[in-house]
Every structure is written in C-alpha cells, then in structure tokens.
C-alpha cells in the first residue's frame, strides 16, 4: 500500500513526478516501511492518444537487515 503525492505540469506535453511512503508485505516474512516514486512524461495528444514513458522505483531501507531497491521502466500509449 502506498500514498503518493506530486505535481502535474502541462506544457503541451505532461510530466508527473510522484513520491511517498509505502508499506511492503512479504507474506510470512513480514512487513516493512519504505519509499516509492513514479514519474511519467507524455507527448501532446494527437487524436486523443499520447506516447508515454515512465519510471518507477521503490526503496526498502531495512528488511531482514538488508537494503532492497527496485526499479522499472515502461513505454506506452495513453488514451485521453
């Protein structure tokens, strides 16, 4: 579960950076607090379609005594 807060800017294209605290659950291994971030940029819409590039990251500073970090990247199409 996470709560993200951020901004959205429109300058022909859109940019949305988001960040916030997260709770990560690993079944019988337990639960840990961490941070999560997400950012995406989208081209100006053409016939209600925009190209989108996004990045997501998560950081769990102390789970079972170790630092864990995850990242992901994506590209896609947004229907507006």
PDB file of N, CA and C in Angstrom:
ATOM      1  N   UNK A   1       0.846  -1.151   0.000  1.00  0.00           N
ATOM      2  CA  UNK A   1       0.000   0.000   0.000  1.00  0.00           C
ATOM      3  C   UNK A   1       0.901   1.226   0.000  1.00  0.00           C
ATOM      4  N   UNK A   2       0.522   2.227  -0.756  1.00  0.00           N
ATOM      5  CA  UNK A   2       1.326   3.444  -0.818  1.00  0.00           C
ATOM      6  C   UNK A   2       0.430   4.661  -0.964  1.00  0.00           C
ATOM      7  N   UNK A   3       0.930   5.772  -0.543  1.00  0.00           N
ATOM      8  CA  UNK A   3       0.271   7.063  -0.725  1.00  0.00           C
ATOM      9  C   UNK A   3       1.263   7.942  -1.472  1.00  0.00           C
ATOM     10  N   UNK A   4       0.896   8.357  -2.672  1.00  0.00           N
ATOM     11  CA  UNK A   4       1.785   9.172  -3.490  1.00  0.00           C
ATOM     12  C   UNK A   4       1.232  10.579  -3.616  1.00  0.00           C
ATOM     13  N   UNK A   5       2.110  11.550  -3.578  1.00  0.00           N
ATOM     14  CA  UNK A   5       1.735  12.937  -3.797  1.00  0.00           C
ATOM     15  C   UNK A   5       2.693  13.535  -4.800  1.00  0.00           C
ATOM     16  N   UNK A   6       2.232  14.459  -5.603  1.00  0.00           N
ATOM     17  CA  UNK A   6       3.122  15.047  -6.589  1.00  0.00           C
ATOM     18  C   UNK A   6       2.475  16.181  -7.335  1.00  0.00           C
ATOM     19  N   UNK A   7       3.006  16.453  -8.506  1.00  0.00           N
ATOM     20  CA  UNK A   7       2.575  17.563  -9.341  1.00  0.00           C
ATOM     21  C   UNK A   7       2.307  17.080 -10.753  1.00  0.00           C
ATOM     22  N   UNK A   8       1.493  17.834 -11.456  1.00  0.00           N
ATOM     23  CA  UNK A   8       1.312  17.573 -12.881  1.00  0.00           C
ATOM     24  C   UNK A   8       1.480  18.894 -13.605  1.00  0.00           C
ATOM     25  N   UNK A   9       2.366  18.913 -14.576  1.00  0.00           N
ATOM     26  CA  UNK A   9       2.597  20.120 -15.365  1.00  0.00           C
ATOM     27  C   UNK A   9       2.191  19.888 -16.804  1.00  0.00           C
ATOM     28  N   UNK A  10       1.569  20.880 -17.398  1.00  0.00           N
ATOM     29  CA  UNK A  10       1.160  20.775 -18.802  1.00  0.00           C
ATOM     30  C   UNK A  10       1.823  21.902 -19.587  1.00  0.00           C
ATOM     31  N   UNK A  11       2.699  21.518 -20.472  1.00  0.00           N
ATOM     32  CA  UNK A  11       3.406  22.467 -21.325  1.00  0.00           C
ATOM     33  C   UNK A  11       3.344  21.944 -22.756  1.00  0.00           C
ATOM     34  N   UNK A  12       2.148  21.616 -23.220  1.00  0.00           N
ATOM     35  CA  UNK A  12       1.986  20.895 -24.485  1.00  0.00           C
ATOM     36  C   UNK A  12       2.030  19.411 -24.201  1.00  0.00           C
ATOM     37  N   UNK A  13       3.099  18.968 -23.558  1.00  0.00           N
ATOM     38  CA  UNK A  13       3.180  17.598 -23.064  1.00  0.00           C
ATOM     39  C   UNK A  13       2.937  17.637 -21.556  1.00  0.00           C
ATOM     40  N   UNK A  14       2.831  16.486 -20.914  1.00  0.00           N
ATOM     41  CA  UNK A  14       2.609  16.452 -19.467  1.00  0.00           C
ATOM     42  C   UNK A  14       3.763  15.738 -18.779  1.00  0.00           C
ATOM     43  N   UNK A  15       4.020  16.140 -17.548  1.00  0.00           N
ATOM     44  CA  UNK A  15       5.028  15.495 -16.703  1.00  0.00           C
ATOM     45  C   UNK A  15       4.423  15.330 -15.316  1.00  0.00           C
ATOM     46  N   UNK A  16       4.576  14.133 -14.727  1.00  0.00           N
ATOM     47  CA  UNK A  16       4.012  13.874 -13.405  1.00  0.00           C
ATOM     48  C   UNK A  16       5.031  13.153 -12.517  1.00  0.00           C
ATOM     49  N   UNK A  17       5.716  13.868 -11.645  1.00  0.00           N
ATOM     50  CA  UNK A  17       6.552  13.196 -10.643  1.00  0.00           C
ATOM     51  C   UNK A  17       5.730  12.954  -9.376  1.00  0.00           C
ATOM     52  N   UNK A  18       5.817  11.763  -8.813  1.00  0.00           N
ATOM     53  CA  UNK A  18       5.089  11.400  -7.597  1.00  0.00           C
ATOM     54  C   UNK A  18       6.034  10.678  -6.647  1.00  0.00           C
ATOM     55  N   UNK A  19       5.850  10.872  -5.342  1.00  0.00           N
ATOM     56  CA  UNK A  19       6.667  10.169  -4.352  1.00  0.00           C
ATOM     57  C   UNK A  19       5.887  10.070  -3.051  1.00  0.00           C
ATOM     58  N   UNK A  20       6.220   9.047  -2.248  1.00  0.00           N
ATOM     59  CA  UNK A  20       5.562   8.915  -0.963  1.00  0.00           C
ATOM     60  C   UNK A  20       5.961   7.647  -0.229  1.00  0.00           C
ATOM     61  N   UNK A  21       5.457   7.513   0.990  1.00  0.00           N
ATOM     62  CA  UNK A  21       5.764   6.334   1.805  1.00  0.00           C
ATOM     63  C   UNK A  21       4.978   5.113   1.340  1.00  0.00           C
ATOM     64  N   UNK A  22       5.523   3.924   1.612  1.00  0.00           N
ATOM     65  CA  UNK A  22       4.883   2.668   1.214  1.00  0.00           C
ATOM     66  C   UNK A  22       5.008   1.640   2.321  1.00  0.00           C
ATOM     67  N   UNK A  23       4.074   0.715   2.338  1.00  0.00           N
ATOM     68  CA  UNK A  23       4.145  -0.449   3.218  1.00  0.00           C
ATOM     69  C   UNK A  23       4.255  -1.671   2.318  1.00  0.00           C
ATOM     70  N   UNK A  24       5.306  -2.465   2.491  1.00  0.00           N
ATOM     71  CA  UNK A  24       5.553  -3.649   1.687  1.00  0.00           C
ATOM     72  C   UNK A  24       5.292  -4.885   2.540  1.00  0.00           C
ATOM     73  N   UNK A  25       4.534  -5.819   2.003  1.00  0.00           N
ATOM     74  CA  UNK A  25       4.188  -7.038   2.733  1.00  0.00           C
ATOM     75  C   UNK A  25       4.811  -8.233   2.011  1.00  0.00           C
ATOM     76  N   UNK A  26       5.541  -9.072   2.749  1.00  0.00           N
ATOM     77  CA  UNK A  26       6.229 -10.224   2.161  1.00  0.00           C
ATOM     78  C   UNK A  26       5.716 -11.531   2.761  1.00  0.00           C
ATOM     79  N   UNK A  27       4.428 -11.645   2.911  1.00  0.00           N
ATOM     80  CA  UNK A  27       3.842 -12.885   3.423  1.00  0.00           C
ATOM     81  C   UNK A  27       4.321 -13.190   4.829  1.00  0.00           C
ATOM     82  N   UNK A  28       4.738 -14.424   5.049  1.00  0.00           N
ATOM     83  CA  UNK A  28       5.179 -14.860   6.372  1.00  0.00           C
ATOM     84  C   UNK A  28       6.492 -14.196   6.795  1.00  0.00           C
ATOM     85  N   UNK A  29       7.198 -13.586   5.848  1.00  0.00           N
ATOM     86  CA  UNK A  29       8.479 -12.945   6.171  1.00  0.00           C
ATOM     87  C   UNK A  29       8.303 -11.594   6.835  1.00  0.00           C
ATOM     88  N   UNK A  30       7.116 -11.008   6.773  1.00  0.00           N
ATOM     89  CA  UNK A  30       6.862  -9.765   7.489  1.00  0.00           C
ATOM     90  C   UNK A  30       6.490  -8.597   6.611  1.00  0.00           C
ATOM     91  N   UNK A  31       6.473  -7.433   7.242  1.00  0.00           N
ATOM     92  CA  UNK A  31       6.078  -6.184   6.610  1.00  0.00           C
ATOM     93  C   UNK A  31       7.157  -5.145   6.883  1.00  0.00           C
ATOM     94  N   UNK A  32       7.388  -4.240   5.934  1.00  0.00           N
ATOM     95  CA  UNK A  32       8.405  -3.196   6.111  1.00  0.00           C
ATOM     96  C   UNK A  32       7.921  -1.886   5.518  1.00  0.00           C
ATOM     97  N   UNK A  33       8.401  -0.794   6.069  1.00  0.00           N
ATOM     98  CA  UNK A  33       8.125   0.532   5.537  1.00  0.00           C
ATOM     99  C   UNK A  33       9.194   0.900   4.520  1.00  0.00           C
ATOM    100  N   UNK A  34       8.800   1.654   3.520  1.00  0.00           N
ATOM    101  CA  UNK A  34       9.752   2.077   2.502  1.00  0.00           C
ATOM    102  C   UNK A  34       9.268   3.325   1.795  1.00  0.00           C
ATOM    103  N   UNK A  35       9.911   3.655   0.702  1.00  0.00           N
ATOM    104  CA  UNK A  35       9.568   4.801  -0.126  1.00  0.00           C
ATOM    105  C   UNK A  35       9.338   4.337  -1.556  1.00  0.00           C
ATOM    106  N   UNK A  36       8.432   5.017  -2.235  1.00  0.00           N
ATOM    107  CA  UNK A  36       8.160   4.681  -3.625  1.00  0.00           C
ATOM    108  C   UNK A  36       8.055   5.961  -4.426  1.00  0.00           C
ATOM    109  N   UNK A  37       8.539   5.923  -5.657  1.00  0.00           N
ATOM    110  CA  UNK A  37       8.442   7.065  -6.544  1.00  0.00           C
ATOM    111  C   UNK A  37       8.019   6.631  -7.935  1.00  0.00           C
ATOM    112  N   UNK A  38       7.388   7.538  -8.642  1.00  0.00           N
ATOM    113  CA  UNK A  38       6.918   7.263 -10.001  1.00  0.00           C
ATOM    114  C   UNK A  38       6.991   8.579 -10.769  1.00  0.00           C
ATOM    115  N   UNK A  39       7.430   8.511 -12.004  1.00  0.00           N
ATOM    116  CA  UNK A  39       7.442   9.692 -12.864  1.00  0.00           C
ATOM    117  C   UNK A  39       7.062   9.269 -14.274  1.00  0.00           C
ATOM    118  N   UNK A  40       6.279  10.102 -14.935  1.00  0.00           N
ATOM    119  CA  UNK A  40       5.995   9.827 -16.341  1.00  0.00           C
ATOM    120  C   UNK A  40       5.933  11.131 -17.121  1.00  0.00           C
ATOM    121  N   UNK A  41       6.241  11.015 -18.382  1.00  0.00           N
ATOM    122  CA  UNK A  41       6.109  12.138 -19.305  1.00  0.00           C
ATOM    123  C   UNK A  41       5.313  11.643 -20.504  1.00  0.00           C
ATOM    124  N   UNK A  42       4.485  12.520 -21.036  1.00  0.00           N
ATOM    125  CA  UNK A  42       3.630  12.151 -22.168  1.00  0.00           C
ATOM    126  C   UNK A  42       3.697  13.245 -23.229  1.00  0.00           C
ATOM    127  N   UNK A  43       3.646  12.814 -24.474  1.00  0.00           N
ATOM    128  CA  UNK A  43       3.635  13.754 -25.594  1.00  0.00           C
ATOM    129  C   UNK A  43       2.283  14.458 -25.654  1.00  0.00           C
ATOM    130  N   UNK A  44       2.206  15.567 -26.380  1.00  0.00           N
ATOM    131  CA  UNK A  44       0.898  16.191 -26.598  1.00  0.00           C
ATOM    132  C   UNK A  44      -0.033  15.195 -27.317  1.00  0.00           C
ATOM    133  N   UNK A  45      -1.311  15.182 -26.960  1.00  0.00           N
ATOM    134  CA  UNK A  45      -2.225  14.214 -27.594  1.00  0.00           C
ATOM    135  C   UNK A  45      -2.483  14.526 -29.064  1.00  0.00           C
ATOM    136  N   UNK A  46      -2.533  13.458 -29.843  1.00  0.00           N
ATOM    137  CA  UNK A  46      -2.927  13.532 -31.252  1.00  0.00           C
ATOM    138  C   UNK A  46      -4.077  12.551 -31.413  1.00  0.00           C
ATOM    139  N   UNK A  47      -5.235  13.053 -31.762  1.00  0.00           N
ATOM    140  CA  UNK A  47      -6.457  12.249 -31.885  1.00  0.00           C
ATOM    141  C   UNK A  47      -6.674  11.431 -30.610  1.00  0.00           C
ATOM    142  N   UNK A  48      -6.551  12.096 -29.449  1.00  0.00           N
ATOM    143  CA  UNK A  48      -6.791  11.509 -28.121  1.00  0.00           C
ATOM    144  C   UNK A  48      -5.775  10.443 -27.713  1.00  0.00           C
ATOM    145  N   UNK A  49      -4.618  10.352 -28.371  1.00  0.00           N
ATOM    146  CA  UNK A  49      -3.575   9.397 -27.999  1.00  0.00           C
ATOM    147  C   UNK A  49      -2.269  10.138 -27.730  1.00  0.00           C
ATOM    148  N   UNK A  50      -1.576   9.744 -26.651  1.00  0.00           N
ATOM    149  CA  UNK A  50      -0.270  10.300 -26.309  1.00  0.00           C
ATOM    150  C   UNK A  50       0.716   9.167 -26.098  1.00  0.00           C
ATOM    151  N   UNK A  51       1.957   9.370 -26.482  1.00  0.00           N
ATOM    152  CA  UNK A  51       3.020   8.425 -26.151  1.00  0.00           C
ATOM    153  C   UNK A  51       3.496   8.737 -24.736  1.00  0.00           C
ATOM    154  N   UNK A  52       3.747   7.702 -23.938  1.00  0.00           N
ATOM    155  CA  UNK A  52       4.129   7.877 -22.537  1.00  0.00           C
ATOM    156  C   UNK A  52       5.386   7.076 -22.239  1.00  0.00           C
ATOM    157  N   UNK A  53       6.295   7.684 -21.474  1.00  0.00           N
ATOM    158  CA  UNK A  53       7.458   6.988 -20.926  1.00  0.00           C
ATOM    159  C   UNK A  53       7.387   7.140 -19.404  1.00  0.00           C
ATOM    160  N   UNK A  54       7.652   6.059 -18.682  1.00  0.00           N
ATOM    161  CA  UNK A  54       7.534   6.134 -17.230  1.00  0.00           C
ATOM    162  C   UNK A  54       8.684   5.393 -16.547  1.00  0.00           C
ATOM    163  N   UNK A  55       8.919   5.782 -15.300  1.00  0.00           N
ATOM    164  CA  UNK A  55       9.916   5.128 -14.454  1.00  0.00           C
ATOM    165  C   UNK A  55       9.329   5.005 -13.054  1.00  0.00           C
ATOM    166  N   UNK A  56       9.624   3.908 -12.398  1.00  0.00           N
ATOM    167  CA  UNK A  56       9.116   3.660 -11.051  1.00  0.00           C
ATOM    168  C   UNK A  56      10.254   3.077 -10.229  1.00  0.00           C
ATOM    169  N   UNK A  57      10.309   3.472  -8.978  1.00  0.00           N
ATOM    170  CA  UNK A  57      11.324   2.933  -8.088  1.00  0.00           C
ATOM    171  C   UNK A  57      10.781   2.760  -6.689  1.00  0.00           C
ATOM    172  N   UNK A  58      11.342   1.809  -5.971  1.00  0.00           N
ATOM    173  CA  UNK A  58      10.961   1.574  -4.582  1.00  0.00           C
ATOM    174  C   UNK A  58      12.221   1.279  -3.784  1.00  0.00           C
ATOM    175  N   UNK A  59      12.223   1.719  -2.536  1.00  0.00           N
ATOM    176  CA  UNK A  59      13.361   1.520  -1.654  1.00  0.00           C
ATOM    177  C   UNK A  59      12.844   1.049  -0.303  1.00  0.00           C
ATOM    178  N   UNK A  60      13.354  -0.091   0.139  1.00  0.00           N
ATOM    179  CA  UNK A  60      13.041  -0.600   1.477  1.00  0.00           C
ATOM    180  C   UNK A  60      14.359  -0.554   2.249  1.00  0.00           C
ATOM    181  N   UNK A  61      14.515   0.422   3.160  1.00  0.00           N
ATOM    182  CA  UNK A  61      15.820   0.624   3.778  1.00  0.00           C
ATOM    183  C   UNK A  61      16.256  -0.477   4.744  1.00  0.00           C
ATOM    184  N   UNK A  62      15.324  -1.179   5.359  1.00  0.00           N
ATOM    185  CA  UNK A  62      15.742  -2.202   6.325  1.00  0.00           C
ATOM    186  C   UNK A  62      14.703  -3.322   6.378  1.00  0.00           C
ATOM    187  N   UNK A  63      14.907  -4.351   5.562  1.00  0.00           N
ATOM    188  CA  UNK A  63      14.047  -5.533   5.610  1.00  0.00           C
ATOM    189  C   UNK A  63      14.941  -6.743   5.834  1.00  0.00           C
ATOM    190  N   UNK A  64      14.761  -7.394   6.947  1.00  0.00           N
ATOM    191  CA  UNK A  64      15.602  -8.514   7.365  1.00  0.00           C
ATOM    192  C   UNK A  64      17.077  -8.117   7.375  1.00  0.00           C
ATOM    193  N   UNK A  65      17.346  -6.850   7.761  1.00  0.00           N
ATOM    194  CA  UNK A  65      18.710  -6.368   7.874  1.00  0.00           C
ATOM    195  C   UNK A  65      19.373  -5.966   6.574  1.00  0.00           C
ATOM    196  N   UNK A  66      18.637  -5.909   5.485  1.00  0.00           N
ATOM    197  CA  UNK A  66      19.213  -5.581   4.181  1.00  0.00           C
ATOM    198  C   UNK A  66      18.465  -4.427   3.526  1.00  0.00           C
ATOM    199  N   UNK A  67      19.177  -3.704   2.669  1.00  0.00           N
ATOM    200  CA  UNK A  67      18.593  -2.661   1.838  1.00  0.00           C
ATOM    201  C   UNK A  67      18.093  -3.303   0.545  1.00  0.00           C
ATOM    202  N   UNK A  68      16.861  -3.020   0.173  1.00  0.00           N
ATOM    203  CA  UNK A  68      16.295  -3.547  -1.073  1.00  0.00           C
ATOM    204  C   UNK A  68      15.837  -2.375  -1.930  1.00  0.00           C
ATOM    205  N   UNK A  69      16.155  -2.425  -3.218  1.00  0.00           N
ATOM    206  CA  UNK A  69      15.730  -1.387  -4.155  1.00  0.00           C
ATOM    207  C   UNK A  69      15.210  -2.054  -5.422  1.00  0.00           C
ATOM    208  N   UNK A  70      14.165  -1.473  -5.995  1.00  0.00           N
ATOM    209  CA  UNK A  70      13.559  -1.995  -7.212  1.00  0.00           C
ATOM    210  C   UNK A  70      13.321  -0.840  -8.174  1.00  0.00           C
ATOM    211  N   UNK A  71      13.523  -1.076  -9.456  1.00  0.00           N
ATOM    212  CA  UNK A  71      13.231  -0.066 -10.467  1.00  0.00           C
ATOM    213  C   UNK A  71      12.493  -0.711 -11.635  1.00  0.00           C
ATOM    214  N   UNK A  72      11.743   0.094 -12.327  1.00  0.00           N
ATOM    215  CA  UNK A  72      11.052  -0.368 -13.522  1.00  0.00           C
ATOM    216  C   UNK A  72      10.867   0.784 -14.490  1.00  0.00           C
ATOM    217  N   UNK A  73      10.861   0.470 -15.763  1.00  0.00           N
ATOM    218  CA  UNK A  73      10.688   1.470 -16.810  1.00  0.00           C
ATOM    219  C   UNK A  73       9.632   0.976 -17.787  1.00  0.00           C
ATOM    220  N   UNK A  74       8.918   1.893 -18.397  1.00  0.00           N
ATOM    221  CA  UNK A  74       7.902   1.473 -19.352  1.00  0.00           C
ATOM    222  C   UNK A  74       7.658   2.518 -20.423  1.00  0.00           C
ATOM    223  N   UNK A  75       7.080   2.077 -21.498  1.00  0.00           N
ATOM    224  CA  UNK A  75       6.617   2.959 -22.571  1.00  0.00           C
ATOM    225  C   UNK A  75       5.208   2.494 -22.935  1.00  0.00           C
ATOM    226  N   UNK A  76       4.401   3.401 -23.404  1.00  0.00           N
ATOM    227  CA  UNK A  76       3.051   3.009 -23.754  1.00  0.00           C
ATOM    228  C   UNK A  76       2.296   4.126 -24.435  1.00  0.00           C
ATOM    229  N   UNK A  77       0.992   3.932 -24.511  1.00  0.00           N
ATOM    230  CA  UNK A  77       0.075   4.868 -25.138  1.00  0.00           C
ATOM    231  C   UNK A  77      -0.999   5.211 -24.113  1.00  0.00           C
ATOM    232  N   UNK A  78      -1.276   6.490 -23.963  1.00  0.00           N
ATOM    233  CA  UNK A  78      -2.341   6.957 -23.066  1.00  0.00           C
ATOM    234  C   UNK A  78      -3.518   7.417 -23.908  1.00  0.00           C
ATOM    235  N   UNK A  79      -4.698   6.925 -23.585  1.00  0.00           N
ATOM    236  CA  UNK A  79      -5.926   7.353 -24.258  1.00  0.00           C
ATOM    237  C   UNK A  79      -6.518   8.479 -23.422  1.00  0.00           C
ATOM    238  N   UNK A  80      -6.756   9.617 -24.052  1.00  0.00           N
ATOM    239  CA  UNK A  80      -7.287  10.769 -23.320  1.00  0.00           C
ATOM    240  C   UNK A  80      -8.661  11.129 -23.795  1.00  0.00           C
TER     241      UNK A  80
END
